[in-house]
PDB file of N, CA and C in Angstrom:
ATOM      1  N   MET A   1      55.744 -32.935  85.933  1.00  0.00           N
ATOM      2  CA  MET A   1      54.817 -34.122  86.632  1.00  0.00           C
ATOM      3  C   MET A   1      54.057 -34.551  85.405  1.00  0.00           C
ATOM      4  N   THR A   2      53.761 -35.967  85.151  1.00  0.00           N
ATOM      5  CA  THR A   2      53.112 -36.521  83.993  1.00  0.00           C
ATOM      6  C   THR A   2      52.368 -37.254  84.876  1.00  0.00           C
ATOM      7  N   HIS A   3      51.157 -37.385  84.002  1.00  0.00           N
ATOM      8  CA  HIS A   3      49.731 -38.008  85.035  1.00  0.00           C
ATOM      9  C   HIS A   3      50.387 -39.398  84.933  1.00  0.00           C
ATOM     10  N   ASP A   4      50.800 -39.762  83.591  1.00  0.00           N
ATOM     11  CA  ASP A   4      51.002 -41.353  83.262  1.00  0.00           C
ATOM     12  C   ASP A   4      52.150 -41.722  84.796  1.00  0.00           C
ATOM     13  N   GLU A   5      52.980 -40.798  85.225  1.00  0.00           N
ATOM     14  CA  GLU A   5      53.770 -41.260  86.089  1.00  0.00           C
ATOM     15  C   GLU A   5      53.231 -41.265  87.476  1.00  0.00           C
ATOM     16  N   SER A   6      52.271 -40.423  87.613  1.00  0.00           N
ATOM     17  CA  SER A   6      51.266 -40.508  88.930  1.00  0.00           C
ATOM     18  C   SER A   6      50.711 -41.844  88.921  1.00  0.00           C
ATOM     19  N   VAL A   7      50.088 -42.307  87.823  1.00  0.00           N
ATOM     20  CA  VAL A   7      49.062 -43.319  87.878  1.00  0.00           C
ATOM     21  C   VAL A   7      49.991 -44.429  88.099  1.00  0.00           C
ATOM     22  N   ARG A   8      51.356 -44.676  87.377  1.00  0.00           N
ATOM     23  CA  ARG A   8      52.132 -45.763  87.588  1.00  0.00           C
ATOM     24  C   ARG A   8      52.701 -45.747  88.804  1.00  0.00           C
ATOM     25  N   ILE A   9      52.862 -44.694  89.927  1.00  0.00           N
ATOM     26  CA  ILE A   9      52.887 -44.775  91.317  1.00  0.00           C
ATOM     27  C   ILE A   9      51.879 -45.381  91.756  1.00  0.00           C
ATOM     28  N   LYS A  10      50.796 -44.944  91.466  1.00  0.00           N
ATOM     29  CA  LYS A  10      49.438 -45.418  92.103  1.00  0.00           C
ATOM     30  C   LYS A  10      49.489 -46.920  92.257  1.00  0.00           C
ATOM     31  N   SER A  11      49.813 -47.547  90.913  1.00  0.00           N
ATOM     32  CA  SER A  11      49.342 -48.723  90.669  1.00  0.00           C
ATOM     33  C   SER A  11      50.863 -49.288  91.355  1.00  0.00           C
ATOM     34  N   LEU A  12      51.863 -48.892  91.592  1.00  0.00           N
ATOM     35  CA  LEU A  12      52.685 -49.338  92.396  1.00  0.00           C
ATOM     36  C   LEU A  12      52.509 -49.533  93.772  1.00  0.00           C
ATOM     37  N   ILE A  13      51.808 -48.739  94.536  1.00  0.00           N
ATOM     38  CA  ILE A  13      51.343 -48.724  95.626  1.00  0.00           C
ATOM     39  C   ILE A  13      50.343 -49.661  95.989  1.00  0.00           C
ATOM     40  N   ALA A  14      49.453 -49.691  94.923  1.00  0.00           N
ATOM     41  CA  ALA A  14      48.191 -50.772  95.064  1.00  0.00           C
ATOM     42  C   ALA A  14      49.022 -52.218  95.204  1.00  0.00           C
ATOM     43  N   SER A  15      50.112 -52.618  94.285  1.00  0.00           N
ATOM     44  CA  SER A  15      50.842 -53.604  94.202  1.00  0.00           C
ATOM     45  C   SER A  15      51.556 -54.234  95.530  1.00  0.00           C
ATOM     46  N   ILE A  16      52.158 -53.094  95.969  1.00  0.00           N
ATOM     47  CA  ILE A  16      52.994 -53.258  97.163  1.00  0.00           C
ATOM     48  C   ILE A  16      51.975 -53.613  98.225  1.00  0.00           C
ATOM     49  N   LEU A  17      50.852 -53.004  98.486  1.00  0.00           N
ATOM     50  CA  LEU A  17      49.929 -53.275  99.525  1.00  0.00           C
ATOM     51  C   LEU A  17      49.230 -54.608  99.168  1.00  0.00           C
ATOM     52  N   ALA A  18      48.903 -55.069  98.258  1.00  0.00           N
ATOM     53  CA  ALA A  18      48.365 -56.195  97.727  1.00  0.00           C
ATOM     54  C   ALA A  18      49.495 -57.473  98.053  1.00  0.00           C
ATOM     55  N   THR A  19      50.524 -57.421  98.103  1.00  0.00           N
ATOM     56  CA  THR A  19      51.509 -58.328  98.587  1.00  0.00           C
ATOM     57  C   THR A  19      51.239 -58.321 100.278  1.00  0.00           C
ATOM     58  N   ARG A  20      51.102 -57.425 100.718  1.00  0.00           N
ATOM     59  CA  ARG A  20      50.942 -57.569 102.175  1.00  0.00           C
ATOM     60  C   ARG A  20      49.626 -57.802 102.738  1.00  0.00           C
ATOM     61  N   THR A  21      48.721 -57.780 102.071  1.00  0.00           N
ATOM     62  CA  THR A  21      47.249 -57.838 102.150  1.00  0.00           C
ATOM     63  C   THR A  21      46.635 -59.375 101.666  1.00  0.00           C
ATOM     64  N   ALA A  22      47.200 -60.062 101.084  1.00  0.00           N
ATOM     65  CA  ALA A  22      46.793 -61.162 100.381  1.00  0.00           C
ATOM     66  C   ALA A  22      45.634 -60.836  99.369  1.00  0.00           C
ATOM     67  N   GLY A  23      46.300 -59.686  98.608  1.00  0.00           N
ATOM     68  CA  GLY A  23      45.308 -59.171  97.457  1.00  0.00           C
ATOM     69  C   GLY A  23      44.421 -58.587  97.989  1.00  0.00           C
ATOM     70  N   LYS A  24      43.949 -58.282  98.941  1.00  0.00           N
ATOM     71  CA  LYS A  24      42.544 -57.695  99.480  1.00  0.00           C
ATOM     72  C   LYS A  24      42.977 -56.192  99.371  1.00  0.00           C
ATOM     73  N   VAL A  25      43.136 -55.358  98.390  1.00  0.00           N
ATOM     74  CA  VAL A  25      43.247 -53.950  98.516  1.00  0.00           C
ATOM     75  C   VAL A  25      41.799 -53.201  97.932  1.00  0.00           C
ATOM     76  N   PRO A  26      41.372 -52.327  98.491  1.00  0.00           N
ATOM     77  CA  PRO A  26      40.180 -51.994  98.221  1.00  0.00           C
ATOM     78  C   PRO A  26      40.677 -50.834  96.579  1.00  0.00           C
ATOM     79  N   ASP A  27      39.503 -50.415  96.066  1.00  0.00           N
ATOM     80  CA  ASP A  27      39.790 -48.961  95.028  1.00  0.00           C
ATOM     81  C   ASP A  27      40.693 -48.152  95.397  1.00  0.00           C
ATOM     82  N   LEU A  28      41.695 -48.262  95.187  1.00  0.00           N
ATOM     83  CA  LEU A  28      42.502 -46.817  95.806  1.00  0.00           C
ATOM     84  C   LEU A  28      42.140 -45.503  94.907  1.00  0.00           C
ATOM     85  N   GLN A  29      41.130 -45.078  95.295  1.00  0.00           N
ATOM     86  CA  GLN A  29      40.920 -43.688  94.724  1.00  0.00           C
ATOM     87  C   GLN A  29      41.823 -42.420  95.586  1.00  0.00           C
ATOM     88  N   ASP A  30      41.428 -41.214  94.872  1.00  0.00           N
ATOM     89  CA  ASP A  30      42.664 -40.319  95.302  1.00  0.00           C
ATOM     90  C   ASP A  30      42.521 -39.872  96.551  1.00  0.00           C
ATOM     91  N   ASP A  31      41.576 -39.816  97.016  1.00  0.00           N
ATOM     92  CA  ASP A  31      41.221 -39.219  98.682  1.00  0.00           C
ATOM     93  C   ASP A  31      41.494 -40.504  99.378  1.00  0.00           C
ATOM     94  N   PHE A  32      41.699 -41.765  99.020  1.00  0.00           N
ATOM     95  CA  PHE A  32      41.708 -42.803  99.974  1.00  0.00           C
ATOM     96  C   PHE A  32      42.889 -42.593 100.857  1.00  0.00           C
ATOM     97  N   ASP A  33      42.661 -42.733 102.178  1.00  0.00           N
ATOM     98  CA  ASP A  33      43.663 -42.454 103.416  1.00  0.00           C
ATOM     99  C   ASP A  33      44.131 -43.920 103.666  1.00  0.00           C
ATOM    100  N   LEU A  34      45.126 -44.220 103.455  1.00  0.00           N
ATOM    101  CA  LEU A  34      45.799 -45.898 103.563  1.00  0.00           C
ATOM    102  C   LEU A  34      45.965 -45.857 105.160  1.00  0.00           C
ATOM    103  N   ARG A  35      46.391 -44.929 105.801  1.00  0.00           N
ATOM    104  CA  ARG A  35      46.322 -45.064 107.405  1.00  0.00           C
ATOM    105  C   ARG A  35      44.996 -45.031 108.231  1.00  0.00           C
ATOM    106  N   GLY A  36      43.976 -43.939 107.308  1.00  0.00           N
ATOM    107  CA  GLY A  36      42.603 -43.900 107.853  1.00  0.00           C
ATOM    108  C   GLY A  36      41.767 -45.378 107.882  1.00  0.00           C
ATOM    109  N   ALA A  37      42.200 -45.586 106.702  1.00  0.00           N
ATOM    110  CA  ALA A  37      41.501 -47.040 106.475  1.00  0.00           C
ATOM    111  C   ALA A  37      42.078 -48.117 107.299  1.00  0.00           C
ATOM    112  N   GLY A  38      43.229 -48.122 107.633  1.00  0.00           N
ATOM    113  CA  GLY A  38      43.769 -49.266 108.536  1.00  0.00           C
ATOM    114  C   GLY A  38      44.532 -50.031 107.826  1.00  0.00           C
ATOM    115  N   LEU A  39      44.872 -49.568 106.485  1.00  0.00           N
ATOM    116  CA  LEU A  39      45.949 -50.455 105.592  1.00  0.00           C
ATOM    117  C   LEU A  39      47.182 -50.506 106.203  1.00  0.00           C
ATOM    118  N   ILE A  40      47.697 -49.389 106.507  1.00  0.00           N
ATOM    119  CA  ILE A  40      49.168 -49.136 107.316  1.00  0.00           C
ATOM    120  C   ILE A  40      49.119 -48.203 108.351  1.00  0.00           C
ATOM    121  N   ASP A  41      50.041 -48.628 109.218  1.00  0.00           N
ATOM    122  CA  ASP A  41      50.205 -47.803 110.185  1.00  0.00           C
ATOM    123  C   ASP A  41      51.747 -46.947 110.177  1.00  0.00           C
ATOM    124  N   SER A  42      52.027 -46.368 111.386  1.00  0.00           N
ATOM    125  CA  SER A  42      53.389 -45.482 110.879  1.00  0.00           C
ATOM    126  C   SER A  42      54.494 -46.436 110.325  1.00  0.00           C
ATOM    127  N   LEU A  43      54.822 -47.513 110.918  1.00  0.00           N
ATOM    128  CA  LEU A  43      55.827 -48.563 110.679  1.00  0.00           C
ATOM    129  C   LEU A  43      55.495 -48.869 108.915  1.00  0.00           C
ATOM    130  N   GLY A  44      54.087 -49.134 108.902  1.00  0.00           N
ATOM    131  CA  GLY A  44      53.988 -49.760 107.492  1.00  0.00           C
ATOM    132  C   GLY A  44      54.076 -48.709 106.338  1.00  0.00           C
ATOM    133  N   PHE A  45      53.660 -47.400 106.887  1.00  0.00           N
ATOM    134  CA  PHE A  45      54.072 -46.467 105.692  1.00  0.00           C
ATOM    135  C   PHE A  45      55.500 -46.235 105.543  1.00  0.00           C
ATOM    136  N   LEU A  46      56.297 -46.370 106.520  1.00  0.00           N
ATOM    137  CA  LEU A  46      57.519 -46.431 106.299  1.00  0.00           C
ATOM    138  C   LEU A  46      58.403 -47.700 105.374  1.00  0.00           C
ATOM    139  N   HIS A  47      57.812 -48.688 105.579  1.00  0.00           N
ATOM    140  CA  HIS A  47      57.936 -49.883 104.553  1.00  0.00           C
ATOM    141  C   HIS A  47      57.529 -49.577 103.503  1.00  0.00           C
ATOM    142  N   LEU A  48      56.329 -48.921 103.134  1.00  0.00           N
ATOM    143  CA  LEU A  48      55.859 -48.614 102.000  1.00  0.00           C
ATOM    144  C   LEU A  48      56.582 -47.584 101.080  1.00  0.00           C
ATOM    145  N   ILE A  49      57.361 -46.730 101.729  1.00  0.00           N
ATOM    146  CA  ILE A  49      58.199 -45.478 101.385  1.00  0.00           C
ATOM    147  C   ILE A  49      59.206 -46.259 100.927  1.00  0.00           C
ATOM    148  N   SER A  50      59.744 -47.251 101.647  1.00  0.00           N
ATOM    149  CA  SER A  50      61.176 -47.921 101.270  1.00  0.00           C
ATOM    150  C   SER A  50      60.793 -48.805  99.661  1.00  0.00           C
ATOM    151  N   ASP A  51      59.767 -49.623 100.168  1.00  0.00           N
ATOM    152  CA  ASP A  51      59.164 -50.517  98.879  1.00  0.00           C
ATOM    153  C   ASP A  51      59.476 -49.846  97.602  1.00  0.00           C
ATOM    154  N   LEU A  52      58.826 -48.406  97.601  1.00  0.00           N
ATOM    155  CA  LEU A  52      58.519 -47.794  96.780  1.00  0.00           C
ATOM    156  C   LEU A  52      60.044 -47.225  96.123  1.00  0.00           C
ATOM    157  N   GLU A  53      60.763 -46.879  96.815  1.00  0.00           N
ATOM    158  CA  GLU A  53      62.287 -46.468  96.479  1.00  0.00           C
ATOM    159  C   GLU A  53      63.167 -47.600  95.709  1.00  0.00           C
ATOM    160  N   SER A  54      62.682 -48.755  95.958  1.00  0.00           N
ATOM    161  CA  SER A  54      63.290 -49.858  95.689  1.00  0.00           C
ATOM    162  C   SER A  54      62.675 -50.128  94.580  1.00  0.00           C
ATOM    163  N   ARG A  55      61.805 -49.912  93.907  1.00  0.00           N
ATOM    164  CA  ARG A  55      60.817 -50.125  93.044  1.00  0.00           C
ATOM    165  C   ARG A  55      60.926 -49.350  91.703  1.00  0.00           C
ATOM    166  N   LEU A  56      61.222 -48.063  92.184  1.00  0.00           N
ATOM    167  CA  LEU A  56      61.261 -46.948  91.380  1.00  0.00           C
ATOM    168  C   LEU A  56      62.712 -46.669  90.877  1.00  0.00           C
ATOM    169  N   GLY A  57      63.808 -46.980  92.174  1.00  0.00           N
ATOM    170  CA  GLY A  57      64.905 -46.667  91.815  1.00  0.00           C
ATOM    171  C   GLY A  57      65.875 -45.496  92.442  1.00  0.00           C
ATOM    172  N   TYR A  58      64.834 -44.932  92.959  1.00  0.00           N
ATOM    173  CA  TYR A  58      65.130 -43.230  93.466  1.00  0.00           C
ATOM    174  C   TYR A  58      64.551 -43.077  95.062  1.00  0.00           C
ATOM    175  N   ARG A  59      65.183 -42.207  95.366  1.00  0.00           N
ATOM    176  CA  ARG A  59      64.951 -41.824  96.767  1.00  0.00           C
ATOM    177  C   ARG A  59      63.409 -41.018  96.512  1.00  0.00           C
ATOM    178  N   VAL A  60      62.623 -41.258  97.377  1.00  0.00           N
ATOM    179  CA  VAL A  60      61.334 -40.480  97.430  1.00  0.00           C
ATOM    180  C   VAL A  60      61.583 -39.172  98.506  1.00  0.00           C
ATOM    181  N   ASP A  61      61.360 -38.138  98.157  1.00  0.00           N
ATOM    182  CA  ASP A  61      61.572 -36.999  99.191  1.00  0.00           C
ATOM    183  C   ASP A  61      60.222 -36.698  99.054  1.00  0.00           C
ATOM    184  N   LEU A  62      59.721 -36.440 100.863  1.00  0.00           N
ATOM    185  CA  LEU A  62      58.217 -36.173 101.007  1.00  0.00           C
ATOM    186  C   LEU A  62      58.664 -34.641 101.814  1.00  0.00           C
ATOM    187  N   ALA A  63      59.427 -34.104 101.638  1.00  0.00           N
ATOM    188  CA  ALA A  63      59.641 -32.760 102.473  1.00  0.00           C
ATOM    189  C   ALA A  63      58.463 -31.717 102.026  1.00  0.00           C
ATOM    190  N   ASP A  64      58.143 -31.755 101.081  1.00  0.00           N
ATOM    191  CA  ASP A  64      57.202 -30.562 100.512  1.00  0.00           C
ATOM    192  C   ASP A  64      56.006 -30.967 100.684  1.00  0.00           C
ATOM    193  N   LEU A  65      55.437 -32.276 101.115  1.00  0.00           N
ATOM    194  CA  LEU A  65      54.164 -32.764 100.888  1.00  0.00           C
ATOM    195  C   LEU A  65      53.244 -32.313 102.479  1.00  0.00           C
ATOM    196  N   ASN A  66      52.232 -31.797 102.206  1.00  0.00           N
ATOM    197  CA  ASN A  66      51.612 -31.538 103.502  1.00  0.00           C
ATOM    198  C   ASN A  66      51.263 -32.778 104.235  1.00  0.00           C
ATOM    199  N   PRO A  67      51.367 -32.870 105.639  1.00  0.00           N
ATOM    200  CA  PRO A  67      51.512 -33.614 106.440  1.00  0.00           C
ATOM    201  C   PRO A  67      50.173 -34.690 106.449  1.00  0.00           C
ATOM    202  N   ALA A  68      48.944 -33.813 106.280  1.00  0.00           N
ATOM    203  CA  ALA A  68      47.720 -34.358 106.060  1.00  0.00           C
ATOM    204  C   ALA A  68      47.438 -35.489 104.989  1.00  0.00           C
ATOM    205  N   ASP A  69      48.462 -35.049 103.998  1.00  0.00           N
ATOM    206  CA  ASP A  69      48.178 -35.922 102.730  1.00  0.00           C
ATOM    207  C   ASP A  69      49.310 -36.861 102.518  1.00  0.00           C
ATOM    208  N   LEU A  70      50.150 -37.103 103.326  1.00  0.00           N
ATOM    209  CA  LEU A  70      51.182 -38.328 103.534  1.00  0.00           C
ATOM    210  C   LEU A  70      50.540 -39.533 103.215  1.00  0.00           C
ATOM    211  N   THR A  71      49.280 -40.136 103.631  1.00  0.00           N
ATOM    212  CA  THR A  71      48.716 -41.561 103.564  1.00  0.00           C
ATOM    213  C   THR A  71      47.603 -41.681 102.778  1.00  0.00           C
ATOM    214  N   LYS A  72      47.411 -40.418 101.605  1.00  0.00           N
ATOM    215  CA  LYS A  72      46.498 -40.211 101.052  1.00  0.00           C
ATOM    216  C   LYS A  72      46.934 -40.633  99.546  1.00  0.00           C
ATOM    217  N   VAL A  73      46.327 -41.468  99.074  1.00  0.00           N
ATOM    218  CA  VAL A  73      46.809 -42.102  97.696  1.00  0.00           C
ATOM    219  C   VAL A  73      47.319 -41.330  96.587  1.00  0.00           C
ATOM    220  N   GLY A  74      46.148 -40.413  96.207  1.00  0.00           N
ATOM    221  CA  GLY A  74      46.547 -39.423  95.131  1.00  0.00           C
ATOM    222  C   GLY A  74      47.610 -38.388  95.625  1.00  0.00           C
ATOM    223  N   PRO A  75      47.068 -37.515  96.221  1.00  0.00           N
ATOM    224  CA  PRO A  75      48.366 -36.635  96.777  1.00  0.00           C
ATOM    225  C   PRO A  75      49.701 -37.342  96.866  1.00  0.00           C
ATOM    226  N   LEU A  76      49.975 -38.391  97.478  1.00  0.00           N
ATOM    227  CA  LEU A  76      51.375 -39.016  97.678  1.00  0.00           C
ATOM    228  C   LEU A  76      51.635 -39.240  96.019  1.00  0.00           C
ATOM    229  N   SER A  77      51.039 -40.019  95.582  1.00  0.00           N
ATOM    230  CA  SER A  77      51.255 -40.368  94.157  1.00  0.00           C
ATOM    231  C   SER A  77      51.914 -39.218  93.501  1.00  0.00           C
ATOM    232  N   ARG A  78      51.076 -38.111  93.156  1.00  0.00           N
ATOM    233  CA  ARG A  78      51.357 -37.058  92.615  1.00  0.00           C
ATOM    234  C   ARG A  78      52.564 -36.190  92.949  1.00  0.00           C
ATOM    235  N   HIS A  79      52.557 -36.433  94.357  1.00  0.00           N
ATOM    236  CA  HIS A  79      53.489 -35.601  94.594  1.00  0.00           C
ATOM    237  C   HIS A  79      55.177 -36.300  94.622  1.00  0.00           C
ATOM    238  N   ILE A  80      54.994 -37.592  94.769  1.00  0.00           N
ATOM    239  CA  ILE A  80      56.275 -38.308  94.202  1.00  0.00           C
ATOM    240  C   ILE A  80      56.857 -38.146  92.585  1.00  0.00           C
ATOM    241  N   ALA A  81      55.662 -37.998  91.841  1.00  0.00           N
ATOM    242  CA  ALA A  81      56.047 -37.865  90.446  1.00  0.00           C
ATOM    243  C   ALA A  81      56.172 -36.546  90.006  1.00  0.00           C
ATOM    244  N   TRP A  82      55.765 -35.585  90.769  1.00  0.00           N
ATOM    245  CA  TRP A  82      56.014 -34.122  90.690  1.00  0.00           C
ATOM    246  C   TRP A  82      57.918 -33.893  91.174  1.00  0.00           C
ATOM    247  N   ARG A  83      57.930 -34.470  92.415  1.00  0.00           N
ATOM    248  CA  ARG A  83      59.628 -34.287  92.841  1.00  0.00           C
ATOM    249  C   ARG A  83      60.316 -35.024  91.920  1.00  0.00           C
ATOM    250  N   ARG A  84      59.984 -36.320  91.342  1.00  0.00           N
ATOM    251  CA  ARG A  84      60.724 -36.658  90.503  1.00  0.00           C
ATOM    252  C   ARG A  84      61.013 -36.119  88.824  1.00  0.00           C
ATOM    253  N   ALA A  85      60.143 -35.191  88.593  1.00  0.00           N
ATOM    254  CA  ALA A  85      60.224 -34.364  87.445  1.00  0.00           C
ATOM    255  C   ALA A  85      61.131 -33.257  87.441  1.00  0.00           C
ATOM    256  N   LEU A  86      61.306 -32.692  88.824  1.00  0.00           N
ATOM    257  CA  LEU A  86      62.059 -31.408  89.016  1.00  0.00           C
ATOM    258  C   LEU A  86      63.501 -31.547  88.503  1.00  0.00           C
ATOM    259  N   PRO A  87      64.080 -30.657  88.267  1.00  0.00           N
ATOM    260  CA  PRO A  87      65.754 -31.018  87.378  1.00  0.00           C
ATOM    261  C   PRO A  87      66.757 -31.211  88.864  1.00  0.00           C
TER     262      PRO A  87
END
């Protein structure tokens, strides 16, 4: 996993959320919980992952991510970057 890829994914998350919230996205710190802040619900999370897959061009696999971290920006973006870097 590269730090750059994780930052790129985090930026994509912010971009996707901005289109859904009329640009009103708070600063997405690593520990920011999208669900806890009310930005997404469970269906919104599925849409977010689907949009990420479309923009990244590959399937996002969350099987190894701790469920408590699913909607936290930092752990989610790092996990996606880590999975992408696997052979």
